[in-house]
Amino acid sequence: MRFLRHLLSYLIDKRKNKNFLVFLDDIEDFFAKILSLVMVIVILFTIIDLGIVLSKELISPPMGRFSTSILKIFGLFLNVLIALEITQNITSYLSNHIIQIEMVIITSLIAVARKIIILDFEKISDTELLALAAAIIALSICYWLVRRTNAKYPPH
């Protein structure tokens, strides 16, 4: 109970706003580091999964079956790439305390590209296909606008 009173008085005290903001910044850094470590673990497990799937497909008969599962393997490769991009986004945030929107858009475009590569056109409706096309167009326009703005107003 004493802890809660102390915390409440700390939050109310206007003189300590800068200290509190530093405290919040430290908490954000801590959780960003945790997310980075978790993403590294996810990347390792994804690479292991990719290796297992790839080796099973190369070893198992019939030999012509590999071409039917190539899309699954491409999807796993892109999963690794997406996880690496997310880790890079977190690392960039930790070093600059700025979310780089260009990197987020690129990560989103890779995720949409992955979806398209592994897409089963027999199981997707026209509406879902149109929504995917709209997402691609919107992300492409956003990326173009961000690149254009960054070229016009480079960071100092």
Protein backbone atom coordinates (compact mmCIF):
# COMPACT_ATOMS: atom_id res chain seq x y z
CA MET A 1 0.00 0.00 0.00
CA ARG A 2 2.87 2.33 0.81
CA PHE A 3 4.28 1.67 -2.66
CA LEU A 4 1.01 2.76 -4.29
CA ARG A 5 0.89 5.97 -2.23
CA HIS A 6 4.49 6.72 -3.12
CA LEU A 7 3.78 6.06 -6.80
CA LEU A 8 0.66 8.22 -6.74
CA SER A 9 2.47 11.13 -5.07
CA TYR A 10 5.27 10.73 -7.62
CA LEU A 11 2.77 10.95 -10.48
CA ILE A 12 1.01 14.00 -9.03
CA ASP A 13 4.17 15.98 -8.25
CA LYS A 14 4.59 18.39 -11.20
CA ARG A 15 8.26 19.02 -10.47
CA LYS A 16 9.11 15.45 -11.32
CA ASN A 17 7.65 15.40 -14.85
CA LYS A 18 11.09 15.17 -16.47
CA ASN A 19 12.07 12.33 -14.16
CA PHE A 20 8.83 10.55 -14.95
CA LEU A 21 9.38 10.95 -18.70
CA VAL A 22 12.88 9.51 -18.31
CA PHE A 23 11.34 6.64 -16.34
CA LEU A 24 8.80 6.00 -19.13
CA ASP A 25 11.57 6.13 -21.72
CA ASP A 26 13.55 3.54 -19.75
CA ILE A 27 10.48 1.28 -19.62
CA GLU A 28 9.99 1.62 -23.39
CA ASP A 29 13.64 0.72 -23.94
CA PHE A 30 13.34 -2.30 -21.66
CA PHE A 31 10.31 -3.68 -23.49
CA ALA A 32 11.85 -2.94 -26.91
CA LYS A 33 14.90 -4.97 -25.85
CA ILE A 34 12.68 -7.82 -24.68
CA LEU A 35 10.85 -7.72 -28.04
CA SER A 36 14.20 -7.81 -29.86
CA LEU A 37 15.33 -10.87 -27.92
CA VAL A 38 12.01 -12.63 -28.53
CA MET A 39 12.25 -11.83 -32.25
CA VAL A 40 15.75 -13.34 -32.37
CA ILE A 41 14.32 -16.53 -30.83
CA VAL A 42 11.46 -16.50 -33.36
CA ILE A 43 13.97 -16.06 -36.21
CA LEU A 44 16.06 -18.98 -34.94
CA PHE A 45 13.03 -21.28 -34.71
CA THR A 46 11.81 -20.16 -38.13
CA ILE A 47 15.20 -20.92 -39.68
CA ILE A 48 15.23 -24.33 -37.99
CA ASP A 49 11.69 -24.98 -39.28
CA LEU A 50 12.75 -23.91 -42.77
CA GLY A 51 15.75 -26.25 -42.62
CA ILE A 52 13.58 -29.18 -41.53
CA VAL A 53 10.98 -28.58 -44.23
CA LEU A 54 13.64 -28.08 -46.90
CA SER A 55 15.56 -31.22 -45.96
CA LYS A 56 12.37 -33.33 -45.81
CA GLU A 57 11.34 -32.10 -49.24
CA LEU A 58 14.74 -32.78 -50.76
CA ILE A 59 15.10 -36.26 -49.25
CA SER A 60 11.57 -37.67 -49.45
CA PRO A 61 10.34 -39.47 -52.55
CA PRO A 62 8.92 -38.87 -55.08
CA MET A 63 11.52 -36.46 -56.33
CA GLY A 64 9.09 -34.41 -58.45
CA ARG A 65 7.08 -33.49 -55.36
CA PHE A 66 9.52 -30.71 -54.47
CA SER A 67 8.01 -28.38 -57.05
CA THR A 68 4.59 -28.66 -55.42
CA SER A 69 5.87 -27.51 -52.03
CA ILE A 70 8.19 -24.78 -53.29
CA LEU A 71 5.61 -22.13 -52.43
CA LYS A 72 5.59 -23.31 -48.83
CA ILE A 73 9.38 -23.01 -48.74
CA PHE A 74 9.26 -19.52 -50.27
CA GLY A 75 6.72 -18.58 -47.60
CA LEU A 76 9.08 -19.78 -44.87
CA PHE A 77 11.97 -17.79 -46.40
CA LEU A 78 9.81 -14.69 -46.41
CA ASN A 79 8.78 -15.36 -42.79
CA VAL A 80 12.47 -15.15 -41.86
CA LEU A 81 12.87 -11.96 -43.88
CA ILE A 82 9.81 -10.38 -42.22
CA ALA A 83 11.08 -11.33 -38.76
CA LEU A 84 14.48 -9.81 -39.58
CA GLU A 85 12.80 -6.60 -40.78
CA ILE A 86 10.74 -6.38 -37.58
CA THR A 87 13.92 -6.89 -35.53
CA GLN A 88 15.59 -4.13 -37.53
CA ASN A 89 12.60 -1.85 -36.84
CA ILE A 90 12.92 -2.49 -33.10
CA THR A 91 16.69 -1.99 -33.18
CA SER A 92 16.27 1.26 -35.08
CA TYR A 93 13.78 2.44 -32.48
CA LEU A 94 16.17 1.55 -29.66
CA SER A 95 19.05 3.48 -31.21
CA ASN A 96 17.14 6.57 -32.40
CA HIS A 97 13.85 6.54 -30.46
CA ILE A 98 12.18 7.16 -33.80
CA ILE A 99 9.88 4.79 -35.61
CA GLN A 100 11.08 4.83 -39.21
CA ILE A 101 7.88 4.68 -41.20
CA GLU A 102 9.72 3.72 -44.39
CA MET A 103 10.99 0.54 -42.75
CA VAL A 104 7.53 -0.28 -41.42
CA ILE A 105 6.02 0.13 -44.90
CA ILE A 106 8.73 -2.05 -46.45
CA THR A 107 8.04 -4.74 -43.85
CA SER A 108 4.34 -4.52 -44.66
CA LEU A 109 5.04 -4.81 -48.39
CA ILE A 110 7.15 -7.92 -47.77
CA ALA A 111 4.30 -9.41 -45.72
CA VAL A 112 1.82 -8.73 -48.53
CA ALA A 113 4.26 -10.16 -51.08
CA ARG A 114 4.52 -13.30 -48.95
CA LYS A 115 0.74 -13.57 -48.90
CA ILE A 116 0.61 -13.29 -52.68
CA ILE A 117 3.36 -15.87 -53.22
CA ILE A 118 1.67 -18.51 -51.06
CA LEU A 119 -1.83 -17.60 -52.19
CA ASP A 120 -4.09 -20.43 -53.31
CA PHE A 121 -6.13 -18.82 -56.05
CA GLU A 122 -8.70 -21.62 -55.93
CA LYS A 123 -9.61 -20.84 -52.32
CA ILE A 124 -9.68 -17.04 -52.43
CA SER A 125 -12.76 -14.99 -53.20
CA ASP A 126 -12.88 -12.04 -55.54
CA THR A 127 -13.46 -9.71 -52.60
CA GLU A 128 -10.36 -10.96 -50.80
CA LEU A 129 -8.31 -10.56 -53.98
CA LEU A 130 -9.56 -6.98 -54.41
CA ALA A 131 -8.75 -6.22 -50.77
CA LEU A 132 -5.23 -7.56 -51.26
CA ALA A 133 -4.83 -5.42 -54.39
CA ALA A 134 -6.08 -2.36 -52.47
CA ALA A 135 -3.56 -3.05 -49.70
CA ILE A 136 -0.74 -3.28 -52.24
CA ILE A 137 -1.78 -0.03 -53.91
CA ALA A 138 -2.16 1.79 -50.58
CA LEU A 139 1.21 0.59 -49.27
CA SER A 140 2.90 1.45 -52.56
CA ILE A 141 1.49 4.97 -52.54
CA CYS A 142 2.53 5.40 -48.89
CA TYR A 143 6.03 4.18 -49.69
CA TRP A 144 6.29 6.54 -52.67
CA LEU A 145 5.08 9.49 -50.56
CA VAL A 146 7.51 8.72 -47.73
CA ARG A 147 10.45 8.33 -50.13
CA ARG A 148 9.51 11.57 -51.88
CA THR A 149 9.19 13.43 -48.58
CA ASN A 150 12.50 12.03 -47.30
CA ALA A 151 14.22 13.12 -50.52
CA LYS A 152 12.74 16.61 -50.24
CA TYR A 153 13.44 17.02 -46.49
CA PRO A 154 16.45 14.86 -45.59
CA PRO A 155 17.08 14.26 -41.85
CA HIS A 156 19.63 16.52 -40.23
